[in-house]
């Protein structure tokens, strides 16, 4: 999903439903070789109240594309480490929709809704 389409979707949800919570979280993972945290992307989530379905959450996960995996290992398998080389210009996008059911989020199949 493009940034423009996501913004249009968010605007539409904000216009039509009561917003309960909106947040953007960074995806940080530790590099096993350098021990530094790397920024892998972000998660933008929007919790809203649907008149018929109740509380729902729309989530977009935008993560950097893994270009290469570098495997560092010793003779013992327990010491093996994987370092990921991330792209700065290419991303993987996932959009998910959840419905609150018994205080837990249940993922809905977007293909069935369209």
C-alpha atoms as a PDB file:
ATOM      1  CA  UNK A   1       0.000   0.000   0.000  1.00  0.00           C
ATOM      2  CA  UNK A   2       1.336   3.417  -0.889  1.00  0.00           C
ATOM      3  CA  UNK A   3       1.634   6.191   1.677  1.00  0.00           C
ATOM      4  CA  UNK A   4      -1.029   8.191  -0.158  1.00  0.00           C
ATOM      5  CA  UNK A   5      -3.550   5.320  -0.098  1.00  0.00           C
ATOM      6  CA  UNK A   6      -2.869   4.735   3.586  1.00  0.00           C
ATOM      7  CA  UNK A   7      -3.452   8.417   4.394  1.00  0.00           C
ATOM      8  CA  UNK A   8      -6.729   8.331   2.414  1.00  0.00           C
ATOM      9  CA  UNK A   9      -7.837   5.219   4.316  1.00  0.00           C
ATOM     10  CA  UNK A  10      -6.953   6.770   7.682  1.00  0.00           C
ATOM     11  CA  UNK A  11      -8.807   9.980   6.771  1.00  0.00           C
ATOM     12  CA  UNK A  12     -11.880   7.999   5.792  1.00  0.00           C
ATOM     13  CA  UNK A  13     -11.865   6.040   9.061  1.00  0.00           C
ATOM     14  CA  UNK A  14     -11.424   9.252  11.077  1.00  0.00           C
ATOM     15  CA  UNK A  15     -14.351  10.903   9.266  1.00  0.00           C
ATOM     16  CA  UNK A  16     -16.745   7.959   9.659  1.00  0.00           C
ATOM     17  CA  UNK A  17     -15.943   6.409  13.043  1.00  0.00           C
ATOM     18  CA  UNK A  18     -15.131   7.414  16.603  1.00  0.00           C
ATOM     19  CA  UNK A  19     -11.365   7.110  17.155  1.00  0.00           C
ATOM     20  CA  UNK A  20     -10.333   5.482  20.447  1.00  0.00           C
ATOM     21  CA  UNK A  21      -6.562   5.410  19.986  1.00  0.00           C
ATOM     22  CA  UNK A  22      -3.944   6.174  17.345  1.00  0.00           C
ATOM     23  CA  UNK A  23      -0.262   5.403  17.707  1.00  0.00           C
ATOM     24  CA  UNK A  24       2.919   4.943  15.718  1.00  0.00           C
ATOM     25  CA  UNK A  25       5.579   2.589  17.074  1.00  0.00           C
ATOM     26  CA  UNK A  26       9.084   2.022  15.756  1.00  0.00           C
ATOM     27  CA  UNK A  27      10.253  -1.510  15.019  1.00  0.00           C
ATOM     28  CA  UNK A  28      13.684  -1.857  16.616  1.00  0.00           C
ATOM     29  CA  UNK A  29      15.765  -5.032  16.545  1.00  0.00           C
ATOM     30  CA  UNK A  30      19.206  -5.672  17.965  1.00  0.00           C
ATOM     31  CA  UNK A  31      22.023  -6.405  15.511  1.00  0.00           C
ATOM     32  CA  UNK A  32      23.648  -9.619  16.829  1.00  0.00           C
ATOM     33  CA  UNK A  33      27.116  -8.606  15.597  1.00  0.00           C
ATOM     34  CA  UNK A  34      27.371  -4.949  16.621  1.00  0.00           C
ATOM     35  CA  UNK A  35      24.871  -5.206  19.538  1.00  0.00           C
ATOM     36  CA  UNK A  36      23.291  -1.924  18.339  1.00  0.00           C
ATOM     37  CA  UNK A  37      19.579  -1.473  17.799  1.00  0.00           C
ATOM     38  CA  UNK A  38      18.554  -1.071  14.163  1.00  0.00           C
ATOM     39  CA  UNK A  39      15.438   0.710  12.938  1.00  0.00           C
ATOM     40  CA  UNK A  40      13.521  -1.826  10.834  1.00  0.00           C
ATOM     41  CA  UNK A  41      10.389   0.230  10.213  1.00  0.00           C
ATOM     42  CA  UNK A  42       7.214   1.231  12.048  1.00  0.00           C
ATOM     43  CA  UNK A  43       3.690   0.176  12.954  1.00  0.00           C
ATOM     44  CA  UNK A  44       0.824   2.669  12.601  1.00  0.00           C
ATOM     45  CA  UNK A  45      -2.322   1.512  14.363  1.00  0.00           C
ATOM     46  CA  UNK A  46      -5.747   3.070  14.675  1.00  0.00           C
ATOM     47  CA  UNK A  47      -8.358   1.729  17.102  1.00  0.00           C
ATOM     48  CA  UNK A  48     -11.907   2.846  16.324  1.00  0.00           C
ATOM     49  CA  UNK A  49     -15.502   2.082  17.249  1.00  0.00           C
ATOM     50  CA  UNK A  50     -17.628   0.546  14.488  1.00  0.00           C
ATOM     51  CA  UNK A  51     -21.402   0.911  15.096  1.00  0.00           C
ATOM     52  CA  UNK A  52     -22.217  -2.726  14.190  1.00  0.00           C
ATOM     53  CA  UNK A  53     -18.937  -4.592  14.801  1.00  0.00           C
ATOM     54  CA  UNK A  54     -17.758  -2.845  17.955  1.00  0.00           C
ATOM     55  CA  UNK A  55     -14.109  -2.028  18.652  1.00  0.00           C
ATOM     56  CA  UNK A  56     -11.791  -2.566  15.674  1.00  0.00           C
ATOM     57  CA  UNK A  57      -8.118  -1.936  14.950  1.00  0.00           C
ATOM     58  CA  UNK A  58      -6.562  -1.052  11.598  1.00  0.00           C
ATOM     59  CA  UNK A  59      -2.812  -1.591  11.434  1.00  0.00           C
ATOM     60  CA  UNK A  60      -0.129  -0.906   8.837  1.00  0.00           C
ATOM     61  CA  UNK A  61       3.296  -2.467   9.252  1.00  0.00           C
ATOM     62  CA  UNK A  62       5.976  -0.864   7.090  1.00  0.00           C
ATOM     63  CA  UNK A  63       9.280  -2.678   7.346  1.00  0.00           C
ATOM     64  CA  UNK A  64      12.575  -2.370   5.499  1.00  0.00           C
ATOM     65  CA  UNK A  65      13.265  -5.071   2.925  1.00  0.00           C
ATOM     66  CA  UNK A  66      15.988  -7.576   3.845  1.00  0.00           C
ATOM     67  CA  UNK A  67      18.526  -7.471   1.017  1.00  0.00           C
ATOM     68  CA  UNK A  68      20.967 -10.006   2.402  1.00  0.00           C
ATOM     69  CA  UNK A  69      21.526 -12.376   5.303  1.00  0.00           C
ATOM     70  CA  UNK A  70      25.058 -12.812   6.573  1.00  0.00           C
ATOM     71  CA  UNK A  71      25.669 -15.929   8.644  1.00  0.00           C
ATOM     72  CA  UNK A  72      28.490 -15.876  11.179  1.00  0.00           C
ATOM     73  CA  UNK A  73      29.164 -19.186  12.853  1.00  0.00           C
ATOM     74  CA  UNK A  74      31.738 -21.131  14.748  1.00  0.00           C
ATOM     75  CA  UNK A  75      32.192 -24.845  14.942  1.00  0.00           C
ATOM     76  CA  UNK A  76      29.500 -25.006  17.603  1.00  0.00           C
ATOM     77  CA  UNK A  77      26.025 -24.337  16.242  1.00  0.00           C
ATOM     78  CA  UNK A  78      24.970 -22.490  19.385  1.00  0.00           C
ATOM     79  CA  UNK A  79      27.313 -19.645  18.493  1.00  0.00           C
ATOM     80  CA  UNK A  80      25.806 -18.996  15.047  1.00  0.00           C
ATOM     81  CA  UNK A  81      24.595 -15.425  14.439  1.00  0.00           C
ATOM     82  CA  UNK A  82      22.675 -13.913  11.533  1.00  0.00           C
ATOM     83  CA  UNK A  83      23.146 -10.302  10.482  1.00  0.00           C
ATOM     84  CA  UNK A  84      20.593  -8.739   8.148  1.00  0.00           C
ATOM     85  CA  UNK A  85      21.467  -6.115   5.543  1.00  0.00           C
ATOM     86  CA  UNK A  86      18.446  -3.850   5.153  1.00  0.00           C
ATOM     87  CA  UNK A  87      17.431  -1.695   2.221  1.00  0.00           C
ATOM     88  CA  UNK A  88      17.027   2.026   2.875  1.00  0.00           C
ATOM     89  CA  UNK A  89      14.736   2.570  -0.115  1.00  0.00           C
ATOM     90  CA  UNK A  90      12.607  -0.610  -0.393  1.00  0.00           C
ATOM     91  CA  UNK A  91       9.891  -1.556   2.101  1.00  0.00           C
ATOM     92  CA  UNK A  92       7.432  -4.353   2.779  1.00  0.00           C
ATOM     93  CA  UNK A  93       3.906  -3.203   3.600  1.00  0.00           C
ATOM     94  CA  UNK A  94       1.256  -5.184   5.463  1.00  0.00           C
ATOM     95  CA  UNK A  95      -2.214  -3.931   6.361  1.00  0.00           C
ATOM     96  CA  UNK A  96      -4.237  -5.847   8.936  1.00  0.00           C
ATOM     97  CA  UNK A  97      -7.705  -5.396  10.396  1.00  0.00           C
ATOM     98  CA  UNK A  98      -8.640  -6.732  13.823  1.00  0.00           C
ATOM     99  CA  UNK A  99     -11.893  -7.046  15.729  1.00  0.00           C
ATOM    100  CA  UNK A 100     -11.988  -7.096  19.538  1.00  0.00           C
ATOM    101  CA  UNK A 101     -13.449 -10.375  20.729  1.00  0.00           C
ATOM    102  CA  UNK A 102     -13.516 -11.210  24.450  1.00  0.00           C
ATOM    103  CA  UNK A 103     -10.789  -8.658  25.269  1.00  0.00           C
ATOM    104  CA  UNK A 104      -8.440 -10.072  22.577  1.00  0.00           C
ATOM    105  CA  UNK A 105      -7.789  -8.928  19.014  1.00  0.00           C
ATOM    106  CA  UNK A 106      -8.931 -11.366  16.323  1.00  0.00           C
ATOM    107  CA  UNK A 107      -7.459 -10.782  12.862  1.00  0.00           C
ATOM    108  CA  UNK A 108      -9.998 -10.546  10.043  1.00  0.00           C
ATOM    109  CA  UNK A 109      -9.313 -11.730   6.512  1.00  0.00           C
ATOM    110  CA  UNK A 110      -9.282  -8.570   4.353  1.00  0.00           C
ATOM    111  CA  UNK A 111      -9.889 -10.552   1.144  1.00  0.00           C
ATOM    112  CA  UNK A 112     -13.243 -11.764   2.474  1.00  0.00           C
ATOM    113  CA  UNK A 113     -14.344  -8.201   3.239  1.00  0.00           C
ATOM    114  CA  UNK A 114     -13.714  -6.849  -0.259  1.00  0.00           C
END
